[in-house]
Amino acid sequence: MNSKKILPIEPRQSRSKKKFEEILDSAEQIIFQGKFNLTFINLSTYSKFKRASIYKYFPSIESLYIGILSRHLKKFSELLGNNFKGKKNLDLSLCLNIYIDLFAIYSLKNIHIAEVISMCDVISINKSSLNKTSFVEILLSCLDQQEIKYSQEKLKLATLLATTILLTRLAENKSINPRTIAEAKKATLAYLNTP
C-alpha cells in the first residue's frame, strides 16, 4: 500500500477542518465503545457522514488510525512541553521521570486508544516514512531544548521499553499502578546506564 493511501488528507478550509475533526471524534468514539470494529460502514453510520465524504479525508482505515495518532501526539507534545517550560538545569534522569509519569497519566486518560499509541513508537523505531513524529521524538525535542546530551538510539530503545511496560500493564489490568511506573523508570535508567 502506498503512503498516499495510508496518510490522512488534512483539509485547509475551516469548514472542512471541522468535518475532519468530527470524523476523527466519531472514530475515537467507536474505538472507545468497543461495540464494533472501526470500519467505514460503521464510521459512516455513527458519524452521519457519507462514506464518500470520509474517503475524501481518509482513504483507508490505516489513515484513520494515523489521524487519531497525530491528534494525540499534538496533545502530548503540548503537555510535555508545558512541563519542561521554564525549568532550568534538568538532567536526563529527571526528564525521563517526567516523561514516563506523563505518558502513564496520558495513557490512562486515553485508555481507549492505548493500542493506537503503542503502534506509534514501533513505527518510528522501524524508521518508517509514515510517521516522522512519535512520543519518543517529542521527548528528544524537549531534551534538545534543555541542551541535555544523550545517545539517540539508546534513548529511543529505553523509552520504548518504558512505554511497552506501561501499555502492557494497561492492556492487562485497565490501569497502571505506581509500582509499574517505578518499574518502567528503573528499567529505562538501567538500560541507559549499560555500556
N, C-alpha and C. Protein backbone atom coordinates (compact mmCIF):
# COMPACT_ATOMS: atom_id res chain seq x y z
N MET A 1 0.85 -1.18 0.00
CA MET A 1 0.00 0.00 0.00
C MET A 1 0.89 1.24 0.00
N ASN A 2 0.59 2.18 -0.89
CA ASN A 2 1.44 3.36 -0.95
C ASN A 2 1.07 4.36 0.15
N SER A 3 2.00 5.29 0.43
CA SER A 3 1.80 6.21 1.55
C SER A 3 0.64 7.16 1.32
N LYS A 4 0.24 7.41 0.06
CA LYS A 4 -0.90 8.28 -0.20
C LYS A 4 -2.19 7.68 0.34
N LYS A 5 -2.27 6.35 0.39
CA LYS A 5 -3.47 5.70 0.91
C LYS A 5 -3.43 5.52 2.42
N ILE A 6 -2.26 5.69 3.00
CA ILE A 6 -2.14 5.49 4.43
C ILE A 6 -2.26 6.80 5.20
N LEU A 7 -1.79 7.87 4.63
CA LEU A 7 -1.82 9.16 5.33
C LEU A 7 -3.15 9.87 5.13
N PRO A 8 -3.67 10.49 6.20
CA PRO A 8 -4.89 11.28 6.04
C PRO A 8 -4.62 12.52 5.18
N ILE A 9 -5.67 13.01 4.54
CA ILE A 9 -5.55 14.21 3.71
C ILE A 9 -6.16 15.36 4.51
N GLU A 10 -5.28 16.16 5.13
CA GLU A 10 -5.76 17.23 6.01
C GLU A 10 -6.25 18.41 5.18
N PRO A 11 -7.46 18.87 5.48
CA PRO A 11 -8.03 19.99 4.72
C PRO A 11 -7.43 21.34 5.15
N ARG A 12 -7.66 22.35 4.32
CA ARG A 12 -7.16 23.69 4.62
C ARG A 12 -8.27 24.65 5.05
N GLN A 13 -9.48 24.43 4.54
CA GLN A 13 -10.59 25.31 4.86
C GLN A 13 -11.17 24.98 6.23
N SER A 14 -11.64 26.01 6.94
CA SER A 14 -12.10 25.80 8.31
C SER A 14 -13.31 24.87 8.39
N ARG A 15 -14.23 24.98 7.44
CA ARG A 15 -15.40 24.09 7.46
C ARG A 15 -14.98 22.64 7.24
N SER A 16 -14.04 22.43 6.33
CA SER A 16 -13.55 21.08 6.08
C SER A 16 -12.74 20.56 7.26
N LYS A 17 -11.98 21.45 7.91
CA LYS A 17 -11.22 21.03 9.10
C LYS A 17 -12.16 20.55 10.20
N LYS A 18 -13.30 21.23 10.33
CA LYS A 18 -14.29 20.85 11.34
C LYS A 18 -14.82 19.45 11.04
N LYS A 19 -15.13 19.16 9.78
CA LYS A 19 -15.63 17.85 9.38
C LYS A 19 -14.56 16.78 9.63
N PHE A 20 -13.30 17.10 9.29
CA PHE A 20 -12.17 16.21 9.51
C PHE A 20 -12.09 15.82 10.99
N GLU A 21 -12.18 16.81 11.87
CA GLU A 21 -12.11 16.57 13.32
C GLU A 21 -13.33 15.78 13.80
N GLU A 22 -14.50 16.06 13.25
CA GLU A 22 -15.70 15.32 13.64
C GLU A 22 -15.60 13.84 13.25
N ILE A 23 -15.02 13.59 12.10
CA ILE A 23 -14.82 12.20 11.69
C ILE A 23 -13.86 11.50 12.65
N LEU A 24 -12.77 12.17 13.03
CA LEU A 24 -11.83 11.59 13.99
C LEU A 24 -12.50 11.39 15.35
N ASP A 25 -13.34 12.35 15.77
CA ASP A 25 -14.08 12.19 17.04
C ASP A 25 -14.93 10.93 17.00
N SER A 26 -15.64 10.75 15.89
CA SER A 26 -16.50 9.57 15.75
C SER A 26 -15.68 8.28 15.74
N ALA A 27 -14.55 8.28 15.05
CA ALA A 27 -13.68 7.10 15.01
C ALA A 27 -13.20 6.76 16.41
N GLU A 28 -12.81 7.77 17.18
CA GLU A 28 -12.37 7.52 18.55
C GLU A 28 -13.51 6.98 19.41
N GLN A 29 -14.71 7.48 19.21
CA GLN A 29 -15.86 7.00 19.97
C GLN A 29 -16.16 5.53 19.65
N ILE A 30 -16.02 5.17 18.40
CA ILE A 30 -16.22 3.77 18.02
C ILE A 30 -15.19 2.89 18.73
N ILE A 31 -13.94 3.32 18.73
CA ILE A 31 -12.89 2.57 19.43
C ILE A 31 -13.19 2.53 20.92
N PHE A 32 -13.60 3.66 21.48
CA PHE A 32 -13.88 3.76 22.92
C PHE A 32 -15.02 2.82 23.33
N GLN A 33 -16.08 2.79 22.55
CA GLN A 33 -17.23 1.95 22.90
C GLN A 33 -16.94 0.48 22.73
N GLY A 34 -16.04 0.15 21.82
CA GLY A 34 -15.66 -1.24 21.62
C GLY A 34 -16.80 -2.15 21.18
N LYS A 35 -17.91 -1.55 20.75
CA LYS A 35 -19.06 -2.35 20.35
C LYS A 35 -18.84 -3.02 19.00
N PHE A 36 -18.14 -2.35 18.13
CA PHE A 36 -17.87 -2.92 16.82
C PHE A 36 -16.56 -2.37 16.31
N ASN A 37 -16.03 -3.05 15.30
CA ASN A 37 -14.74 -2.65 14.74
C ASN A 37 -14.86 -1.34 14.00
N LEU A 38 -13.74 -0.65 13.89
CA LEU A 38 -13.70 0.58 13.12
C LEU A 38 -13.66 0.22 11.64
N THR A 39 -14.78 0.43 10.98
CA THR A 39 -14.88 0.22 9.54
C THR A 39 -15.51 1.46 8.94
N PHE A 40 -15.40 1.62 7.65
CA PHE A 40 -16.01 2.79 7.01
C PHE A 40 -17.54 2.75 7.11
N ILE A 41 -18.11 1.56 7.05
CA ILE A 41 -19.57 1.44 7.18
C ILE A 41 -20.01 1.87 8.57
N ASN A 42 -19.33 1.34 9.60
CA ASN A 42 -19.66 1.72 10.97
C ASN A 42 -19.41 3.20 11.22
N LEU A 43 -18.32 3.71 10.69
CA LEU A 43 -18.00 5.13 10.87
C LEU A 43 -19.04 6.01 10.18
N SER A 44 -19.46 5.62 9.00
CA SER A 44 -20.48 6.38 8.28
C SER A 44 -21.79 6.40 9.06
N THR A 45 -22.18 5.26 9.59
CA THR A 45 -23.42 5.16 10.37
C THR A 45 -23.32 6.00 11.63
N TYR A 46 -22.21 5.87 12.33
CA TYR A 46 -22.04 6.56 13.62
C TYR A 46 -21.90 8.07 13.43
N SER A 47 -21.13 8.49 12.45
CA SER A 47 -20.83 9.92 12.28
C SER A 47 -21.89 10.66 11.48
N LYS A 48 -22.74 9.93 10.74
CA LYS A 48 -23.76 10.51 9.87
C LYS A 48 -23.16 11.18 8.63
N PHE A 49 -21.88 10.91 8.35
CA PHE A 49 -21.25 11.39 7.12
C PHE A 49 -21.30 10.26 6.09
N LYS A 50 -21.49 10.62 4.85
CA LYS A 50 -21.46 9.62 3.78
C LYS A 50 -20.05 9.07 3.65
N ARG A 51 -19.96 7.83 3.21
CA ARG A 51 -18.64 7.21 3.07
C ARG A 51 -17.76 7.98 2.10
N ALA A 52 -18.34 8.55 1.06
CA ALA A 52 -17.55 9.34 0.10
C ALA A 52 -16.90 10.54 0.78
N SER A 53 -17.62 11.15 1.73
CA SER A 53 -17.06 12.29 2.48
C SER A 53 -15.90 11.85 3.36
N ILE A 54 -16.04 10.66 3.94
CA ILE A 54 -14.97 10.15 4.81
C ILE A 54 -13.74 9.79 3.97
N TYR A 55 -13.97 9.12 2.83
CA TYR A 55 -12.86 8.75 1.95
C TYR A 55 -12.09 9.96 1.44
N LYS A 56 -12.75 11.08 1.34
CA LYS A 56 -12.10 12.32 0.88
C LYS A 56 -10.92 12.68 1.77
N TYR A 57 -11.06 12.43 3.07
CA TYR A 57 -10.00 12.78 4.03
C TYR A 57 -9.19 11.56 4.47
N PHE A 58 -9.84 10.41 4.48
CA PHE A 58 -9.21 9.19 5.00
C PHE A 58 -9.38 8.07 3.96
N PRO A 59 -8.39 7.89 3.08
CA PRO A 59 -8.52 6.91 2.00
C PRO A 59 -8.44 5.45 2.46
N SER A 60 -8.09 5.22 3.72
CA SER A 60 -8.00 3.85 4.23
C SER A 60 -8.23 3.87 5.74
N ILE A 61 -8.48 2.69 6.30
CA ILE A 61 -8.62 2.57 7.75
C ILE A 61 -7.31 2.97 8.43
N GLU A 62 -6.19 2.60 7.81
CA GLU A 62 -4.89 2.98 8.37
C GLU A 62 -4.76 4.49 8.50
N SER A 63 -5.29 5.22 7.52
CA SER A 63 -5.20 6.68 7.58
C SER A 63 -6.02 7.24 8.74
N LEU A 64 -7.11 6.56 9.09
CA LEU A 64 -7.88 6.97 10.27
C LEU A 64 -7.04 6.80 11.54
N TYR A 65 -6.36 5.66 11.64
CA TYR A 65 -5.51 5.43 12.82
C TYR A 65 -4.36 6.44 12.88
N ILE A 66 -3.77 6.73 11.74
CA ILE A 66 -2.69 7.73 11.70
C ILE A 66 -3.24 9.10 12.11
N GLY A 67 -4.45 9.44 11.67
CA GLY A 67 -5.09 10.70 12.06
C GLY A 67 -5.32 10.79 13.56
N ILE A 68 -5.82 9.70 14.14
CA ILE A 68 -6.03 9.65 15.59
C ILE A 68 -4.70 9.80 16.31
N LEU A 69 -3.71 9.08 15.83
CA LEU A 69 -2.38 9.12 16.42
C LEU A 69 -1.79 10.53 16.37
N SER A 70 -1.90 11.19 15.24
CA SER A 70 -1.37 12.55 15.09
C SER A 70 -2.03 13.51 16.06
N ARG A 71 -3.32 13.35 16.23
CA ARG A 71 -4.07 14.20 17.16
C ARG A 71 -3.51 14.06 18.58
N HIS A 72 -3.27 12.82 18.99
CA HIS A 72 -2.78 12.58 20.36
C HIS A 72 -1.31 12.97 20.51
N LEU A 73 -0.55 12.85 19.46
CA LEU A 73 0.84 13.31 19.52
C LEU A 73 0.90 14.82 19.77
N LYS A 74 0.03 15.57 19.11
CA LYS A 74 -0.01 17.02 19.32
C LYS A 74 -0.36 17.36 20.76
N LYS A 75 -1.37 16.66 21.30
CA LYS A 75 -1.80 16.92 22.68
C LYS A 75 -0.69 16.57 23.67
N PHE A 76 -0.04 15.42 23.44
CA PHE A 76 1.02 15.01 24.36
C PHE A 76 2.23 15.94 24.25
N SER A 77 2.53 16.39 23.06
CA SER A 77 3.63 17.32 22.85
C SER A 77 3.42 18.60 23.65
N GLU A 78 2.21 19.13 23.62
CA GLU A 78 1.89 20.33 24.40
C GLU A 78 2.03 20.06 25.89
N LEU A 79 1.54 18.92 26.33
CA LEU A 79 1.60 18.55 27.74
C LEU A 79 3.05 18.44 28.22
N LEU A 80 3.87 17.74 27.46
CA LEU A 80 5.27 17.56 27.84
C LEU A 80 6.02 18.90 27.78
N GLY A 81 5.78 19.66 26.73
CA GLY A 81 6.43 20.97 26.60
C GLY A 81 6.08 21.89 27.75
N ASN A 82 4.82 21.88 28.18
CA ASN A 82 4.41 22.72 29.31
C ASN A 82 5.08 22.29 30.61
N ASN A 83 5.35 21.00 30.75
CA ASN A 83 6.01 20.52 31.97
C ASN A 83 7.50 20.80 31.98
N PHE A 84 8.10 21.03 30.82
CA PHE A 84 9.52 21.38 30.75
C PHE A 84 9.74 22.89 30.69
N LYS A 85 8.69 23.63 30.33
CA LYS A 85 8.81 25.07 30.13
C LYS A 85 9.28 25.77 31.41
N GLY A 86 10.28 26.61 31.25
CA GLY A 86 10.76 27.41 32.35
C GLY A 86 11.65 26.69 33.34
N LYS A 87 11.87 25.41 33.14
CA LYS A 87 12.72 24.65 34.07
C LYS A 87 14.15 24.70 33.57
N LYS A 88 15.07 24.94 34.47
CA LYS A 88 16.50 25.01 34.15
C LYS A 88 17.23 23.89 34.87
N ASN A 89 18.38 23.54 34.33
CA ASN A 89 19.29 22.57 34.95
C ASN A 89 18.66 21.20 35.17
N LEU A 90 17.83 20.77 34.24
CA LEU A 90 17.28 19.42 34.33
C LEU A 90 18.32 18.43 33.83
N ASP A 91 18.36 17.25 34.44
CA ASP A 91 19.25 16.21 33.93
C ASP A 91 18.41 15.15 33.21
N LEU A 92 19.07 14.23 32.55
CA LEU A 92 18.39 13.23 31.73
C LEU A 92 17.44 12.37 32.56
N SER A 93 17.87 11.92 33.73
CA SER A 93 17.02 11.03 34.53
C SER A 93 15.75 11.75 35.00
N LEU A 94 15.85 13.02 35.37
CA LEU A 94 14.65 13.77 35.77
C LEU A 94 13.70 13.96 34.60
N CYS A 95 14.25 14.26 33.43
CA CYS A 95 13.42 14.41 32.22
C CYS A 95 12.71 13.11 31.88
N LEU A 96 13.42 12.00 32.00
CA LEU A 96 12.80 10.69 31.73
C LEU A 96 11.70 10.38 32.74
N ASN A 97 11.94 10.72 34.01
CA ASN A 97 10.91 10.50 35.02
C ASN A 97 9.66 11.31 34.72
N ILE A 98 9.84 12.57 34.31
CA ILE A 98 8.69 13.41 33.94
C ILE A 98 7.97 12.79 32.75
N TYR A 99 8.74 12.39 31.74
CA TYR A 99 8.16 11.79 30.53
C TYR A 99 7.35 10.54 30.87
N ILE A 100 7.91 9.65 31.66
CA ILE A 100 7.24 8.39 32.00
C ILE A 100 5.98 8.66 32.82
N ASP A 101 6.06 9.57 33.79
CA ASP A 101 4.87 9.93 34.57
C ASP A 101 3.76 10.46 33.67
N LEU A 102 4.12 11.40 32.79
CA LEU A 102 3.13 11.99 31.90
C LEU A 102 2.57 10.97 30.91
N PHE A 103 3.43 10.10 30.40
CA PHE A 103 2.97 9.07 29.47
C PHE A 103 1.97 8.14 30.16
N ALA A 104 2.26 7.77 31.40
CA ALA A 104 1.35 6.89 32.15
C ALA A 104 0.00 7.59 32.37
N ILE A 105 0.03 8.84 32.78
CA ILE A 105 -1.20 9.59 33.02
C ILE A 105 -1.98 9.75 31.71
N TYR A 106 -1.28 10.12 30.65
CA TYR A 106 -1.95 10.33 29.36
C TYR A 106 -2.57 9.03 28.85
N SER A 107 -1.86 7.92 28.99
CA SER A 107 -2.37 6.63 28.54
C SER A 107 -3.61 6.23 29.34
N LEU A 108 -3.58 6.48 30.64
CA LEU A 108 -4.74 6.16 31.48
C LEU A 108 -5.96 6.99 31.08
N LYS A 109 -5.73 8.27 30.80
CA LYS A 109 -6.84 9.14 30.42
C LYS A 109 -7.38 8.81 29.04
N ASN A 110 -6.56 8.19 28.22
CA ASN A 110 -6.94 7.85 26.84
C ASN A 110 -6.83 6.35 26.62
N ILE A 111 -7.32 5.60 27.56
CA ILE A 111 -7.17 4.14 27.54
C ILE A 111 -7.76 3.52 26.27
N HIS A 112 -8.77 4.15 25.71
CA HIS A 112 -9.42 3.60 24.52
C HIS A 112 -8.52 3.59 23.29
N ILE A 113 -7.50 4.41 23.28
CA ILE A 113 -6.61 4.43 22.11
C ILE A 113 -5.19 3.99 22.47
N ALA A 114 -5.04 3.31 23.59
CA ALA A 114 -3.72 2.87 24.03
C ALA A 114 -3.04 1.98 22.99
N GLU A 115 -3.82 1.13 22.31
CA GLU A 115 -3.25 0.27 21.28
C GLU A 115 -2.72 1.10 20.11
N VAL A 116 -3.45 2.14 19.76
CA VAL A 116 -3.01 3.03 18.69
C VAL A 116 -1.74 3.75 19.11
N ILE A 117 -1.70 4.19 20.37
CA ILE A 117 -0.50 4.86 20.89
C ILE A 117 0.69 3.91 20.85
N SER A 118 0.49 2.65 21.20
CA SER A 118 1.61 1.70 21.23
C SER A 118 2.18 1.47 19.84
N MET A 119 1.38 1.61 18.80
CA MET A 119 1.88 1.46 17.43
C MET A 119 2.84 2.58 17.06
N CYS A 120 2.65 3.73 17.64
CA CYS A 120 3.35 4.94 17.23
C CYS A 120 4.86 4.80 17.29
N ASP A 121 5.40 4.45 18.44
CA ASP A 121 6.84 4.41 18.57
C ASP A 121 7.45 3.20 17.88
N VAL A 122 6.68 2.13 17.71
CA VAL A 122 7.17 0.99 16.94
C VAL A 122 7.37 1.42 15.49
N ILE A 123 6.41 2.17 14.96
CA ILE A 123 6.53 2.69 13.59
C ILE A 123 7.76 3.57 13.49
N SER A 124 7.96 4.43 14.47
CA SER A 124 9.09 5.35 14.45
C SER A 124 10.42 4.62 14.56
N ILE A 125 10.50 3.65 15.47
CA ILE A 125 11.74 2.89 15.66
C ILE A 125 12.11 2.16 14.37
N ASN A 126 11.11 1.67 13.65
CA ASN A 126 11.37 0.98 12.39
C ASN A 126 11.71 1.92 11.25
N LYS A 127 11.80 3.21 11.55
CA LYS A 127 12.18 4.24 10.58
C LYS A 127 11.25 4.28 9.38
N SER A 128 9.98 4.05 9.63
CA SER A 128 9.01 4.14 8.55
C SER A 128 8.80 5.60 8.18
N SER A 129 8.56 5.86 6.92
CA SER A 129 8.32 7.23 6.48
C SER A 129 6.89 7.67 6.79
N LEU A 130 6.08 6.77 7.34
CA LEU A 130 4.70 7.12 7.62
C LEU A 130 4.57 8.09 8.77
N ASN A 131 5.45 7.98 9.73
CA ASN A 131 5.27 8.77 10.93
C ASN A 131 6.60 9.33 11.38
N LYS A 132 6.84 10.59 11.08
CA LYS A 132 8.11 11.20 11.44
C LYS A 132 8.11 11.71 12.87
N THR A 133 6.94 11.79 13.48
CA THR A 133 6.83 12.24 14.85
C THR A 133 6.30 11.09 15.70
N SER A 134 6.85 10.94 16.87
CA SER A 134 6.39 9.91 17.78
C SER A 134 6.52 10.44 19.19
N PHE A 135 6.05 9.68 20.15
CA PHE A 135 6.16 10.10 21.53
C PHE A 135 7.63 10.25 21.92
N VAL A 136 8.47 9.35 21.45
CA VAL A 136 9.90 9.43 21.74
C VAL A 136 10.51 10.68 21.10
N GLU A 137 10.12 10.97 19.86
CA GLU A 137 10.65 12.16 19.17
C GLU A 137 10.27 13.44 19.92
N ILE A 138 9.08 13.45 20.51
CA ILE A 138 8.66 14.61 21.30
C ILE A 138 9.60 14.78 22.50
N LEU A 139 9.94 13.68 23.15
CA LEU A 139 10.89 13.73 24.27
C LEU A 139 12.25 14.22 23.80
N LEU A 140 12.73 13.70 22.68
CA LEU A 140 14.04 14.10 22.16
C LEU A 140 14.07 15.60 21.88
N SER A 141 13.00 16.13 21.34
CA SER A 141 12.92 17.56 21.06
C SER A 141 13.01 18.37 22.34
N CYS A 142 12.31 17.92 23.38
CA CYS A 142 12.37 18.61 24.68
C CYS A 142 13.78 18.55 25.28
N LEU A 143 14.44 17.40 25.14
CA LEU A 143 15.80 17.27 25.65
C LEU A 143 16.76 18.19 24.90
N ASP A 144 16.56 18.32 23.60
CA ASP A 144 17.39 19.24 22.81
C ASP A 144 17.19 20.68 23.27
N GLN A 145 15.96 21.06 23.56
CA GLN A 145 15.68 22.41 24.03
C GLN A 145 16.34 22.66 25.39
N GLN A 146 16.43 21.60 26.20
CA GLN A 146 17.07 21.72 27.51
C GLN A 146 18.60 21.57 27.41
N GLU A 147 19.10 21.31 26.19
CA GLU A 147 20.52 21.12 25.91
C GLU A 147 21.12 19.98 26.74
N ILE A 148 20.36 18.88 26.80
CA ILE A 148 20.80 17.69 27.52
C ILE A 148 21.40 16.72 26.51
N LYS A 149 22.57 16.19 26.81
CA LYS A 149 23.24 15.26 25.91
C LYS A 149 22.76 13.84 26.18
N TYR A 150 22.63 13.07 25.10
CA TYR A 150 22.15 11.69 25.20
C TYR A 150 22.49 10.95 23.92
N SER A 151 22.45 9.62 24.01
CA SER A 151 22.60 8.77 22.83
C SER A 151 21.20 8.53 22.27
N GLN A 152 20.96 9.01 21.07
CA GLN A 152 19.62 8.97 20.50
C GLN A 152 19.07 7.55 20.37
N GLU A 153 19.85 6.65 19.80
CA GLU A 153 19.37 5.27 19.61
C GLU A 153 19.10 4.59 20.95
N LYS A 154 20.01 4.77 21.89
CA LYS A 154 19.86 4.14 23.19
C LYS A 154 18.64 4.69 23.92
N LEU A 155 18.43 5.99 23.83
CA LEU A 155 17.29 6.62 24.49
C LEU A 155 15.97 6.18 23.85
N LYS A 156 15.96 6.05 22.52
CA LYS A 156 14.75 5.58 21.84
C LYS A 156 14.36 4.18 22.33
N LEU A 157 15.35 3.30 22.41
CA LEU A 157 15.06 1.93 22.86
C LEU A 157 14.67 1.90 24.34
N ALA A 158 15.31 2.74 25.16
CA ALA A 158 14.99 2.79 26.59
C ALA A 158 13.56 3.28 26.81
N THR A 159 13.16 4.32 26.10
CA THR A 159 11.79 4.82 26.27
C THR A 159 10.76 3.86 25.68
N LEU A 160 11.13 3.16 24.61
CA LEU A 160 10.24 2.14 24.06
C LEU A 160 10.03 1.04 25.10
N LEU A 161 11.08 0.69 25.83
CA LEU A 161 10.98 -0.29 26.90
C LEU A 161 9.99 0.19 27.96
N ALA A 162 10.11 1.45 28.37
CA ALA A 162 9.22 2.00 29.40
C ALA A 162 7.77 2.03 28.93
N THR A 163 7.56 2.51 27.70
CA THR A 163 6.17 2.59 27.21
C THR A 163 5.57 1.20 27.02
N THR A 164 6.39 0.24 26.65
CA THR A 164 5.90 -1.14 26.50
C THR A 164 5.46 -1.70 27.85
N ILE A 165 6.26 -1.45 28.88
CA ILE A 165 5.89 -1.90 30.23
C ILE A 165 4.56 -1.28 30.65
N LEU A 166 4.44 0.04 30.45
CA LEU A 166 3.23 0.74 30.87
C LEU A 166 2.00 0.29 30.08
N LEU A 167 2.14 0.21 28.76
CA LEU A 167 0.99 -0.14 27.93
C LEU A 167 0.60 -1.61 28.08
N THR A 168 1.56 -2.47 28.35
CA THR A 168 1.24 -3.88 28.59
C THR A 168 0.41 -4.02 29.86
N ARG A 169 0.85 -3.33 30.91
CA ARG A 169 0.10 -3.38 32.18
C ARG A 169 -1.29 -2.77 32.01
N LEU A 170 -1.37 -1.71 31.24
CA LEU A 170 -2.66 -1.07 30.98
C LEU A 170 -3.60 -2.02 30.23
N ALA A 171 -3.07 -2.74 29.26
CA ALA A 171 -3.88 -3.70 28.50
C ALA A 171 -4.34 -4.86 29.38
N GLU A 172 -3.48 -5.30 30.29
CA GLU A 172 -3.80 -6.43 31.16
C GLU A 172 -4.80 -6.07 32.25
N ASN A 173 -4.58 -4.92 32.90
CA ASN A 173 -5.35 -4.57 34.11
C ASN A 173 -6.28 -3.38 33.96
N LYS A 174 -6.25 -2.73 32.80
CA LYS A 174 -7.02 -1.50 32.58
C LYS A 174 -6.63 -0.40 33.57
N SER A 175 -5.42 -0.50 34.11
CA SER A 175 -4.87 0.54 34.99
C SER A 175 -3.35 0.42 35.02
N ILE A 176 -2.73 1.47 35.51
CA ILE A 176 -1.28 1.47 35.71
C ILE A 176 -1.05 1.92 37.14
N ASN A 177 -0.48 1.04 37.95
CA ASN A 177 -0.27 1.40 39.34
C ASN A 177 1.11 2.04 39.52
N PRO A 178 1.32 2.72 40.65
CA PRO A 178 2.61 3.39 40.89
C PRO A 178 3.81 2.44 40.83
N ARG A 179 3.61 1.20 41.23
CA ARG A 179 4.71 0.22 41.19
C ARG A 179 5.16 -0.03 39.75
N THR A 180 4.20 -0.11 38.82
CA THR A 180 4.53 -0.30 37.41
C THR A 180 5.29 0.89 36.86
N ILE A 181 4.86 2.10 37.25
CA ILE A 181 5.57 3.31 36.81
C ILE A 181 7.00 3.29 37.33
N ALA A 182 7.18 2.89 38.59
CA ALA A 182 8.53 2.80 39.16
C ALA A 182 9.37 1.76 38.43
N GLU A 183 8.76 0.62 38.07
CA GLU A 183 9.47 -0.42 37.30
C GLU A 183 9.91 0.11 35.94
N ALA A 184 9.01 0.85 35.29
CA ALA A 184 9.33 1.41 33.96
C ALA A 184 10.50 2.39 34.07
N LYS A 185 10.50 3.23 35.09
CA LYS A 185 11.59 4.19 35.28
C LYS A 185 12.90 3.46 35.57
N LYS A 186 12.84 2.46 36.43
CA LYS A 186 14.04 1.71 36.80
C LYS A 186 14.62 0.99 35.59
N ALA A 187 13.76 0.35 34.80
CA ALA A 187 14.22 -0.38 33.61
C ALA A 187 14.85 0.57 32.59
N THR A 188 14.24 1.73 32.41
CA THR A 188 14.75 2.72 31.46
C THR A 188 16.12 3.21 31.88
N LEU A 189 16.26 3.59 33.13
CA LEU A 189 17.55 4.11 33.61
C LEU A 189 18.61 3.02 33.62
N ALA A 190 18.22 1.79 33.96
CA ALA A 190 19.18 0.67 33.95
C ALA A 190 19.70 0.45 32.54
N TYR A 191 18.80 0.48 31.56
CA TYR A 191 19.23 0.29 30.17
C TYR A 191 20.16 1.41 29.72
N LEU A 192 19.84 2.63 30.09
CA LEU A 192 20.68 3.77 29.68
C LEU A 192 22.07 3.72 30.31
N ASN A 193 22.17 3.09 31.47
CA ASN A 193 23.46 3.02 32.17
C ASN A 193 24.30 1.82 31.76
N THR A 194 23.78 0.99 30.86
CA THR A 194 24.60 -0.13 30.39
C THR A 194 25.59 0.38 29.34
N PRO A 195 26.76 -0.27 29.27
CA PRO A 195 27.75 0.20 28.28
C PRO A 195 27.36 -0.12 26.86
